[in-house]
Structures are given as structure tokens and as C-alpha cells.
PDB file of all heavy atoms in Angstrom:
ATOM      1  N   SER A   1     -14.215  12.244  -8.700  1.00  0.00           N
ATOM      2  CA  SER A   1     -13.228  13.095  -9.395  1.00  0.00           C
ATOM      3  C   SER A   1     -13.363  12.891 -10.886  1.00  0.00           C
ATOM      4  O   SER A   1     -14.112  12.030 -11.326  1.00  0.00           O
ATOM      5  CB  SER A   1     -11.786  12.789  -8.982  1.00  0.00           C
ATOM      6  OG  SER A   1     -11.482  11.395  -9.370  1.00  0.00           O
ATOM      7  N   GLY A   2     -12.644  13.701 -11.680  1.00  0.00           N
ATOM      8  CA  GLY A   2     -12.730  13.601 -13.177  1.00  0.00           C
ATOM      9  C   GLY A   2     -12.429  12.194 -13.673  1.00  0.00           C
ATOM     10  O   GLY A   2     -13.119  11.707 -14.598  1.00  0.00           O
ATOM     11  N   GLY A   3     -11.397  11.579 -13.120  1.00  0.00           N
ATOM     12  CA  GLY A   3     -11.026  10.246 -13.615  1.00  0.00           C
ATOM     13  C   GLY A   3     -12.064   9.175 -13.300  1.00  0.00           C
ATOM     14  O   GLY A   3     -12.386   8.352 -14.183  1.00  0.00           O
ATOM     15  N   TRP A   4     -12.713   9.283 -12.116  1.00  0.00           N
ATOM     16  CA  TRP A   4     -13.778   8.343 -11.764  1.00  0.00           C
ATOM     17  C   TRP A   4     -15.027   8.638 -12.546  1.00  0.00           C
ATOM     18  O   TRP A   4     -15.826   7.714 -12.866  1.00  0.00           O
ATOM     19  CB  TRP A   4     -13.978   8.350 -10.282  1.00  0.00           C
ATOM     20  CG  TRP A   4     -12.849   7.664  -9.515  1.00  0.00           C
ATOM     21  CD1 TRP A   4     -11.833   8.317  -8.902  1.00  0.00           C
ATOM     22  CD2 TRP A   4     -12.652   6.261  -9.421  1.00  0.00           C
ATOM     23  NE1 TRP A   4     -10.987   7.305  -8.362  1.00  0.00           N
ATOM     24  CE2 TRP A   4     -11.457   6.080  -8.649  1.00  0.00           C
ATOM     25  CE3 TRP A   4     -13.312   5.096  -9.905  1.00  0.00           C
ATOM     26  CZ2 TRP A   4     -10.964   4.809  -8.350  1.00  0.00           C
ATOM     27  CZ3 TRP A   4     -12.818   3.887  -9.571  1.00  0.00           C
ATOM     28  CH2 TRP A   4     -11.607   3.746  -8.763  1.00  0.00           C
ATOM     29  N   LEU A   5     -15.270   9.902 -12.888  1.00  0.00           N
ATOM     30  CA  LEU A   5     -16.422  10.209 -13.687  1.00  0.00           C
ATOM     31  C   LEU A   5     -16.303   9.624 -15.090  1.00  0.00           C
ATOM     32  O   LEU A   5     -17.225   9.129 -15.707  1.00  0.00           O
ATOM     33  CB  LEU A   5     -16.582  11.776 -13.852  1.00  0.00           C
ATOM     34  CG  LEU A   5     -17.227  12.475 -12.629  1.00  0.00           C
ATOM     35  CD1 LEU A   5     -17.086  13.961 -12.825  1.00  0.00           C
ATOM     36  CD2 LEU A   5     -18.677  12.095 -12.480  1.00  0.00           C
ATOM     37  N   ARG A   6     -15.058   9.618 -15.572  1.00  0.00           N
ATOM     38  CA  ARG A   6     -14.764   8.990 -16.854  1.00  0.00           C
ATOM     39  C   ARG A   6     -15.035   7.493 -16.812  1.00  0.00           C
ATOM     40  O   ARG A   6     -15.525   6.910 -17.748  1.00  0.00           O
ATOM     41  CB  ARG A   6     -13.317   9.241 -17.260  1.00  0.00           C
ATOM     42  CG  ARG A   6     -12.896   8.636 -18.578  1.00  0.00           C
ATOM     43  CD  ARG A   6     -13.618   9.152 -19.767  1.00  0.00           C
ATOM     44  NE  ARG A   6     -13.146  10.413 -20.230  1.00  0.00           N
ATOM     45  CZ  ARG A   6     -13.599  11.105 -21.284  1.00  0.00           C
ATOM     46  NH1 ARG A   6     -14.617  10.587 -21.940  1.00  0.00           N
ATOM     47  NH2 ARG A   6     -13.074  12.238 -21.647  1.00  0.00           N
ATOM     48  N   ARG A   7     -14.699   6.837 -15.689  1.00  0.00           N
ATOM     49  CA  ARG A   7     -15.023   5.399 -15.542  1.00  0.00           C
ATOM     50  C   ARG A   7     -16.537   5.191 -15.510  1.00  0.00           C
ATOM     51  O   ARG A   7     -17.035   4.177 -16.111  1.00  0.00           O
ATOM     52  CB  ARG A   7     -14.441   4.869 -14.248  1.00  0.00           C
ATOM     53  CG  ARG A   7     -12.901   4.754 -14.260  1.00  0.00           C
ATOM     54  CD  ARG A   7     -12.432   3.845 -13.164  1.00  0.00           C
ATOM     55  NE  ARG A   7     -10.996   3.917 -13.002  1.00  0.00           N
ATOM     56  CZ  ARG A   7     -10.230   2.920 -12.450  1.00  0.00           C
ATOM     57  NH1 ARG A   7     -10.834   1.829 -11.969  1.00  0.00           N
ATOM     58  NH2 ARG A   7      -8.942   3.028 -12.330  1.00  0.00           N
ATOM     59  N   ALA A   8     -17.267   6.082 -14.836  1.00  0.00           N
ATOM     60  CA  ALA A   8     -18.745   5.970 -14.795  1.00  0.00           C
ATOM     61  C   ALA A   8     -19.302   6.054 -16.189  1.00  0.00           C
ATOM     62  O   ALA A   8     -20.215   5.317 -16.575  1.00  0.00           O
ATOM     63  CB  ALA A   8     -19.302   7.018 -13.895  1.00  0.00           C
ATOM     64  N   ALA A   9     -18.792   7.019 -17.003  1.00  0.00           N
ATOM     65  CA  ALA A   9     -19.275   7.156 -18.375  1.00  0.00           C
ATOM     66  C   ALA A   9     -18.941   5.911 -19.214  1.00  0.00           C
ATOM     67  O   ALA A   9     -19.738   5.444 -20.071  1.00  0.00           O
ATOM     68  CB  ALA A   9     -18.632   8.405 -19.034  1.00  0.00           C
ATOM     69  N   LEU A  10     -17.768   5.298 -18.969  1.00  0.00           N
ATOM     70  CA  LEU A  10     -17.416   4.082 -19.681  1.00  0.00           C
ATOM     71  C   LEU A  10     -18.330   2.938 -19.259  1.00  0.00           C
ATOM     72  O   LEU A  10     -18.758   2.155 -20.113  1.00  0.00           O
ATOM     73  CB  LEU A  10     -15.960   3.708 -19.355  1.00  0.00           C
ATOM     74  CG  LEU A  10     -15.406   2.486 -20.028  1.00  0.00           C
ATOM     75  CD1 LEU A  10     -15.467   2.619 -21.559  1.00  0.00           C
ATOM     76  CD2 LEU A  10     -13.948   2.273 -19.622  1.00  0.00           C
ATOM     77  N   ALA A  11     -18.706   2.857 -17.981  1.00  0.00           N
ATOM     78  CA  ALA A  11     -19.666   1.851 -17.500  1.00  0.00           C
ATOM     79  C   ALA A  11     -21.011   2.018 -18.204  1.00  0.00           C
ATOM     80  O   ALA A  11     -21.634   0.976 -18.581  1.00  0.00           O
ATOM     81  CB  ALA A  11     -19.759   1.946 -16.007  1.00  0.00           C
ATOM     82  N   GLN A  12     -21.454   3.244 -18.361  1.00  0.00           N
ATOM     83  CA  GLN A  12     -22.696   3.494 -19.040  1.00  0.00           C
ATOM     84  C   GLN A  12     -22.667   3.034 -20.474  1.00  0.00           C
ATOM     85  O   GLN A  12     -23.623   2.481 -21.029  1.00  0.00           O
ATOM     86  CB  GLN A  12     -23.061   4.967 -18.991  1.00  0.00           C
ATOM     87  CG  GLN A  12     -24.428   5.284 -19.553  1.00  0.00           C
ATOM     88  CD  GLN A  12     -24.638   6.807 -19.686  1.00  0.00           C
ATOM     89  OE1 GLN A  12     -24.260   7.378 -20.662  1.00  0.00           O
ATOM     90  NE2 GLN A  12     -25.322   7.387 -18.731  1.00  0.00           N
ATOM     91  N   ALA A  13     -21.496   3.260 -21.138  1.00  0.00           N
ATOM     92  CA  ALA A  13     -21.367   2.833 -22.511  1.00  0.00           C
ATOM     93  C   ALA A  13     -21.310   1.288 -22.684  1.00  0.00           C
ATOM     94  O   ALA A  13     -21.750   0.761 -23.683  1.00  0.00           O
ATOM     95  CB  ALA A  13     -20.091   3.426 -23.130  1.00  0.00           C
ATOM     96  N   LEU A  14     -20.822   0.594 -21.657  1.00  0.00           N
ATOM     97  CA  LEU A  14     -20.609  -0.843 -21.750  1.00  0.00           C
ATOM     98  C   LEU A  14     -21.811  -1.651 -21.231  1.00  0.00           C
ATOM     99  O   LEU A  14     -21.833  -2.904 -21.431  1.00  0.00           O
ATOM    100  CB  LEU A  14     -19.358  -1.210 -20.942  1.00  0.00           C
ATOM    101  CG  LEU A  14     -18.032  -0.762 -21.487  1.00  0.00           C
ATOM    102  CD1 LEU A  14     -16.906  -1.110 -20.531  1.00  0.00           C
ATOM    103  CD2 LEU A  14     -17.755  -1.287 -22.896  1.00  0.00           C
ATOM    104  N   VAL A  15     -22.795  -1.031 -20.613  1.00  0.00           N
ATOM    105  CA  VAL A  15     -23.860  -1.740 -19.932  1.00  0.00           C
ATOM    106  C   VAL A  15     -24.646  -2.581 -20.949  1.00  0.00           C
ATOM    107  O   VAL A  15     -25.185  -3.647 -20.613  1.00  0.00           O
ATOM    108  CB  VAL A  15     -24.767  -0.818 -19.121  1.00  0.00           C
ATOM    109  CG1 VAL A  15     -25.594   0.080 -20.026  1.00  0.00           C
ATOM    110  CG2 VAL A  15     -25.636  -1.611 -18.178  1.00  0.00           C
ATOM    111  N   SER A  16     -24.749  -2.087 -22.187  1.00  0.00           N
ATOM    112  CA  SER A  16     -25.502  -2.831 -23.224  1.00  0.00           C
ATOM    113  C   SER A  16     -24.681  -3.946 -23.932  1.00  0.00           C
ATOM    114  O   SER A  16     -25.145  -4.493 -24.914  1.00  0.00           O
ATOM    115  CB  SER A  16     -26.115  -1.899 -24.238  1.00  0.00           C
ATOM    116  OG  SER A  16     -26.985  -1.000 -23.674  1.00  0.00           O
ATOM    117  N   LYS A  17     -23.441  -4.122 -23.481  1.00  0.00           N
ATOM    118  CA  LYS A  17     -22.551  -5.107 -24.067  1.00  0.00           C
ATOM    119  C   LYS A  17     -22.440  -4.849 -25.578  1.00  0.00           C
ATOM    120  O   LYS A  17     -22.749  -5.722 -26.409  1.00  0.00           O
ATOM    121  CB  LYS A  17     -23.042  -6.486 -23.789  1.00  0.00           C
ATOM    122  CG  LYS A  17     -23.105  -6.897 -22.335  1.00  0.00           C
ATOM    123  CD  LYS A  17     -23.552  -8.310 -22.063  1.00  0.00           C
ATOM    124  CE  LYS A  17     -23.586  -8.597 -20.556  1.00  0.00           C
ATOM    125  NZ  LYS A  17     -23.996 -10.017 -20.292  1.00  0.00           N
ATOM    126  N   PRO A  18     -21.876  -3.692 -25.946  1.00  0.00           N
ATOM    127  CA  PRO A  18     -21.769  -3.331 -27.390  1.00  0.00           C
ATOM    128  C   PRO A  18     -20.738  -4.173 -28.085  1.00  0.00           C
ATOM    129  O   PRO A  18     -19.744  -4.635 -27.494  1.00  0.00           O
ATOM    130  CB  PRO A  18     -21.400  -1.871 -27.342  1.00  0.00           C
ATOM    131  CG  PRO A  18     -20.614  -1.721 -26.049  1.00  0.00           C
ATOM    132  CD  PRO A  18     -21.275  -2.648 -25.092  1.00  0.00           C
ATOM    133  N   SER A  19     -20.885  -4.319 -29.376  1.00  0.00           N
ATOM    134  CA  SER A  19     -19.841  -4.967 -30.236  1.00  0.00           C
ATOM    135  C   SER A  19     -18.916  -3.919 -30.888  1.00  0.00           C
ATOM    136  O   SER A  19     -17.871  -4.259 -31.338  1.00  0.00           O
ATOM    137  CB  SER A  19     -20.489  -5.825 -31.302  1.00  0.00           C
ATOM    138  OG  SER A  19     -21.488  -5.120 -31.993  1.00  0.00           O
ATOM    139  N   ILE A  20     -19.390  -2.641 -30.850  1.00  0.00           N
ATOM    140  CA  ILE A  20     -18.560  -1.516 -31.354  1.00  0.00           C
ATOM    141  C   ILE A  20     -18.607  -0.411 -30.311  1.00  0.00           C
ATOM    142  O   ILE A  20     -19.707   0.078 -29.932  1.00  0.00           O
ATOM    143  CB  ILE A  20     -19.106  -0.941 -32.680  1.00  0.00           C
ATOM    144  CG1 ILE A  20     -19.103  -2.054 -33.760  1.00  0.00           C
ATOM    145  CG2 ILE A  20     -18.302   0.216 -33.176  1.00  0.00           C
ATOM    146  CD1 ILE A  20     -19.837  -1.652 -35.051  1.00  0.00           C
ATOM    147  N   LEU A  21     -17.471   0.007 -29.850  1.00  0.00           N
ATOM    148  CA  LEU A  21     -17.359   1.094 -28.874  1.00  0.00           C
ATOM    149  C   LEU A  21     -16.655   2.280 -29.461  1.00  0.00           C
ATOM    150  O   LEU A  21     -15.549   2.210 -29.994  1.00  0.00           O
ATOM    151  CB  LEU A  21     -16.601   0.604 -27.619  1.00  0.00           C
ATOM    152  CG  LEU A  21     -16.413   1.608 -26.480  1.00  0.00           C
ATOM    153  CD1 LEU A  21     -17.774   2.084 -26.000  1.00  0.00           C
ATOM    154  CD2 LEU A  21     -15.623   0.977 -25.317  1.00  0.00           C
ATOM    155  N   LEU A  22     -17.345   3.483 -29.483  1.00  0.00           N
ATOM    156  CA  LEU A  22     -16.784   4.740 -30.004  1.00  0.00           C
ATOM    157  C   LEU A  22     -16.294   5.563 -28.790  1.00  0.00           C
ATOM    158  O   LEU A  22     -17.066   5.803 -27.855  1.00  0.00           O
ATOM    159  CB  LEU A  22     -17.836   5.468 -30.755  1.00  0.00           C
ATOM    160  CG  LEU A  22     -18.684   4.685 -31.778  1.00  0.00           C
ATOM    161  CD1 LEU A  22     -19.773   5.553 -32.364  1.00  0.00           C
ATOM    162  CD2 LEU A  22     -17.751   4.137 -32.864  1.00  0.00           C
ATOM    163  N   LEU A  23     -15.052   5.998 -28.878  1.00  0.00           N
ATOM    164  CA  LEU A  23     -14.476   6.799 -27.737  1.00  0.00           C
ATOM    165  C   LEU A  23     -13.873   8.089 -28.273  1.00  0.00           C
ATOM    166  O   LEU A  23     -13.050   8.082 -29.180  1.00  0.00           O
ATOM    167  CB  LEU A  23     -13.382   5.980 -27.001  1.00  0.00           C
ATOM    168  CG  LEU A  23     -13.781   4.601 -26.495  1.00  0.00           C
ATOM    169  CD1 LEU A  23     -13.088   3.538 -27.373  1.00  0.00           C
ATOM    170  CD2 LEU A  23     -13.389   4.410 -25.091  1.00  0.00           C
ATOM    171  N   ASP A  24     -14.354   9.214 -27.670  1.00  0.00           N
ATOM    172  CA  ASP A  24     -13.821  10.525 -28.118  1.00  0.00           C
ATOM    173  C   ASP A  24     -12.907  11.052 -27.048  1.00  0.00           C
ATOM    174  O   ASP A  24     -13.315  11.413 -25.933  1.00  0.00           O
ATOM    175  CB  ASP A  24     -15.049  11.492 -28.274  1.00  0.00           C
ATOM    176  CG  ASP A  24     -14.657  12.755 -29.082  1.00  0.00           C
ATOM    177  OD1 ASP A  24     -13.463  12.978 -29.182  1.00  0.00           O
ATOM    178  OD2 ASP A  24     -15.629  13.447 -29.573  1.00  0.00           O
ATOM    179  N   GLU A  25     -11.613  11.128 -27.354  1.00  0.00           N
ATOM    180  CA  GLU A  25     -10.580  11.567 -26.396  1.00  0.00           C
ATOM    181  C   GLU A  25     -10.718  10.847 -25.079  1.00  0.00           C
ATOM    182  O   GLU A  25     -10.881  11.469 -24.017  1.00  0.00           O
ATOM    183  CB  GLU A  25     -10.638  13.047 -26.243  1.00  0.00           C
ATOM    184  CG  GLU A  25     -10.296  13.838 -27.493  1.00  0.00           C
ATOM    185  CD  GLU A  25      -8.816  13.838 -27.855  1.00  0.00           C
ATOM    186  OE1 GLU A  25      -8.048  13.185 -27.109  1.00  0.00           O
ATOM    187  OE2 GLU A  25      -8.460  14.473 -28.870  1.00  0.00           O
ATOM    188  N   PRO A  26     -10.587   9.551 -25.001  1.00  0.00           N
ATOM    189  CA  PRO A  26     -10.832   8.779 -23.764  1.00  0.00           C
ATOM    190  C   PRO A  26      -9.825   9.088 -22.652  1.00  0.00           C
ATOM    191  O   PRO A  26     -10.124   8.836 -21.474  1.00  0.00           O
ATOM    192  CB  PRO A  26     -10.781   7.362 -24.224  1.00  0.00           C
ATOM    193  CG  PRO A  26      -9.917   7.331 -25.432  1.00  0.00           C
ATOM    194  CD  PRO A  26     -10.206   8.623 -26.111  1.00  0.00           C
ATOM    195  N   THR A  27      -8.639   9.576 -22.985  1.00  0.00           N
ATOM    196  CA  THR A  27      -7.608   9.837 -21.906  1.00  0.00           C
ATOM    197  C   THR A  27      -7.698  11.186 -21.314  1.00  0.00           C
ATOM    198  O   THR A  27      -6.942  11.471 -20.358  1.00  0.00           O
ATOM    199  CB  THR A  27      -6.218   9.599 -22.499  1.00  0.00           C
ATOM    200  OG1 THR A  27      -5.963  10.550 -23.532  1.00  0.00           O
ATOM    201  CG2 THR A  27      -6.045   8.197 -23.082  1.00  0.00           C
ATOM    202  N   ASN A  28      -8.576  12.069 -21.798  1.00  0.00           N
ATOM    203  CA  ASN A  28      -8.693  13.369 -21.188  1.00  0.00           C
ATOM    204  C   ASN A  28      -9.068  13.275 -19.718  1.00  0.00           C
ATOM    205  O   ASN A  28      -9.927  12.488 -19.363  1.00  0.00           O
ATOM    206  CB  ASN A  28      -9.774  14.229 -21.913  1.00  0.00           C
ATOM    207  CG  ASN A  28      -9.178  14.893 -23.166  1.00  0.00           C
ATOM    208  OD1 ASN A  28      -8.054  14.688 -23.502  1.00  0.00           O
ATOM    209  ND2 ASN A  28     -10.041  15.675 -23.817  1.00  0.00           N
ATOM    210  N   HIS A  29      -8.435  14.065 -18.888  1.00  0.00           N
ATOM    211  CA  HIS A  29      -8.767  14.162 -17.423  1.00  0.00           C
ATOM    212  C   HIS A  29      -8.290  12.935 -16.697  1.00  0.00           C
ATOM    213  O   HIS A  29      -8.610  12.769 -15.492  1.00  0.00           O
ATOM    214  CB  HIS A  29     -10.231  14.401 -17.194  1.00  0.00           C
ATOM    215  CG  HIS A  29     -10.801  15.491 -17.983  1.00  0.00           C
ATOM    216  ND1 HIS A  29     -10.518  16.863 -17.793  1.00  0.00           N
ATOM    217  CD2 HIS A  29     -11.657  15.495 -19.055  1.00  0.00           C
ATOM    218  CE1 HIS A  29     -11.152  17.571 -18.707  1.00  0.00           C
ATOM    219  NE2 HIS A  29     -11.894  16.797 -19.442  1.00  0.00           N
ATOM    220  N   LEU A  30      -7.574  11.982 -17.303  1.00  0.00           N
ATOM    221  CA  LEU A  30      -7.094  10.801 -16.625  1.00  0.00           C
ATOM    222  C   LEU A  30      -5.602  10.954 -16.258  1.00  0.00           C
ATOM    223  O   LEU A  30      -4.817  11.494 -17.023  1.00  0.00           O
ATOM    224  CB  LEU A  30      -7.279   9.565 -17.514  1.00  0.00           C
ATOM    225  CG  LEU A  30      -8.698   9.172 -17.925  1.00  0.00           C
ATOM    226  CD1 LEU A  30      -8.648   7.864 -18.718  1.00  0.00           C
ATOM    227  CD2 LEU A  30      -9.629   9.135 -16.737  1.00  0.00           C
ATOM    228  N   ASP A  31      -5.252  10.421 -15.079  1.00  0.00           N
ATOM    229  CA  ASP A  31      -3.819  10.424 -14.719  1.00  0.00           C
ATOM    230  C   ASP A  31      -3.132   9.238 -15.389  1.00  0.00           C
ATOM    231  O   ASP A  31      -3.760   8.424 -16.039  1.00  0.00           O
ATOM    232  CB  ASP A  31      -3.674  10.411 -13.210  1.00  0.00           C
ATOM    233  CG  ASP A  31      -4.371   9.212 -12.569  1.00  0.00           C
ATOM    234  OD1 ASP A  31      -4.190   8.086 -13.089  1.00  0.00           O
ATOM    235  OD2 ASP A  31      -5.039   9.414 -11.529  1.00  0.00           O
ATOM    236  N   VAL A  32      -1.832   9.210 -15.257  1.00  0.00           N
ATOM    237  CA  VAL A  32      -1.008   8.263 -16.043  1.00  0.00           C
ATOM    238  C   VAL A  32      -1.364   6.836 -15.672  1.00  0.00           C
ATOM    239  O   VAL A  32      -1.479   5.940 -16.487  1.00  0.00           O
ATOM    240  CB  VAL A  32       0.480   8.528 -15.794  1.00  0.00           C
ATOM    241  CG1 VAL A  32       1.333   7.471 -16.489  1.00  0.00           C
ATOM    242  CG2 VAL A  32       0.864   9.905 -16.338  1.00  0.00           C
ATOM    243  N   ASP A  33      -1.529   6.557 -14.380  1.00  0.00           N
ATOM    244  CA  ASP A  33      -1.878   5.194 -13.922  1.00  0.00           C
ATOM    245  C   ASP A  33      -3.191   4.742 -14.497  1.00  0.00           C
ATOM    246  O   ASP A  33      -3.375   3.598 -14.931  1.00  0.00           O
ATOM    247  CB  ASP A  33      -1.904   5.075 -12.422  1.00  0.00           C
ATOM    248  CG  ASP A  33      -0.469   5.264 -11.795  1.00  0.00           C
ATOM    249  OD1 ASP A  33       0.545   4.997 -12.556  1.00  0.00           O
ATOM    250  OD2 ASP A  33      -0.346   5.599 -10.609  1.00  0.00           O
ATOM    251  N   THR A  34      -4.166   5.665 -14.453  1.00  0.00           N
ATOM    252  CA  THR A  34      -5.463   5.322 -15.029  1.00  0.00           C
ATOM    253  C   THR A  34      -5.437   5.116 -16.536  1.00  0.00           C
ATOM    254  O   THR A  34      -6.191   4.223 -17.057  1.00  0.00           O
ATOM    255  CB  THR A  34      -6.500   6.423 -14.623  1.00  0.00           C
ATOM    256  OG1 THR A  34      -6.475   6.670 -13.256  1.00  0.00           O
ATOM    257  CG2 THR A  34      -7.935   6.006 -15.028  1.00  0.00           C
ATOM    258  N   ILE A  35      -4.611   5.900 -17.210  1.00  0.00           N
ATOM    259  CA  ILE A  35      -4.462   5.694 -18.653  1.00  0.00           C
ATOM    260  C   ILE A  35      -3.910   4.307 -18.947  1.00  0.00           C
ATOM    261  O   ILE A  35      -4.376   3.563 -19.843  1.00  0.00           O
ATOM    262  CB  ILE A  35      -3.548   6.758 -19.324  1.00  0.00           C
ATOM    263  CG1 ILE A  35      -4.268   8.133 -19.238  1.00  0.00           C
ATOM    264  CG2 ILE A  35      -3.211   6.412 -20.717  1.00  0.00           C
ATOM    265  CD1 ILE A  35      -3.385   9.276 -19.679  1.00  0.00           C
ATOM    266  N   ALA A  36      -2.859   3.918 -18.139  1.00  0.00           N
ATOM    267  CA  ALA A  36      -2.331   2.543 -18.371  1.00  0.00           C
ATOM    268  C   ALA A  36      -3.364   1.486 -18.063  1.00  0.00           C
ATOM    269  O   ALA A  36      -3.438   0.449 -18.802  1.00  0.00           O
ATOM    270  CB  ALA A  36      -1.096   2.403 -17.421  1.00  0.00           C
ATOM    271  N   TRP A  37      -4.159   1.709 -17.013  1.00  0.00           N
ATOM    272  CA  TRP A  37      -5.278   0.755 -16.719  1.00  0.00           C
ATOM    273  C   TRP A  37      -6.245   0.729 -17.869  1.00  0.00           C
ATOM    274  O   TRP A  37      -6.699  -0.362 -18.280  1.00  0.00           O
ATOM    275  CB  TRP A  37      -5.974   1.170 -15.425  1.00  0.00           C
ATOM    276  CG  TRP A  37      -7.237   0.415 -15.186  1.00  0.00           C
ATOM    277  CD1 TRP A  37      -7.368  -0.740 -14.506  1.00  0.00           C
ATOM    278  CD2 TRP A  37      -8.550   0.833 -15.573  1.00  0.00           C
ATOM    279  NE1 TRP A  37      -8.723  -1.107 -14.521  1.00  0.00           N
ATOM    280  CE2 TRP A  37      -9.445  -0.177 -15.189  1.00  0.00           C
ATOM    281  CE3 TRP A  37      -9.036   1.901 -16.255  1.00  0.00           C
ATOM    282  CZ2 TRP A  37     -10.801  -0.120 -15.393  1.00  0.00           C
ATOM    283  CZ3 TRP A  37     -10.395   2.015 -16.554  1.00  0.00           C
ATOM    284  CH2 TRP A  37     -11.288   1.021 -16.114  1.00  0.00           C
TER     285      TRP A  37
END
């Protein structure tokens, strides 16, 4: 679903263990519980 796709994209961004993470509208398509998480 859209929320789990957002998690997959976040995993792709984190795989290189960045020291700076850029996020463009990270809460879009996420439900309230996932936003809190």
C-alpha cells in the first residue's frame, strides 16, 4: 500500500547510512499511526 511504499523508499534512503537525510513531504499518504511511528 502507499504507506508501506513510503517505508520502502525510506529504507532505500537509509541503506547507505547517511549523515544527512532530506525528506520531501514525508507524511504524504501515511495514516495517523504511521505518522506517529
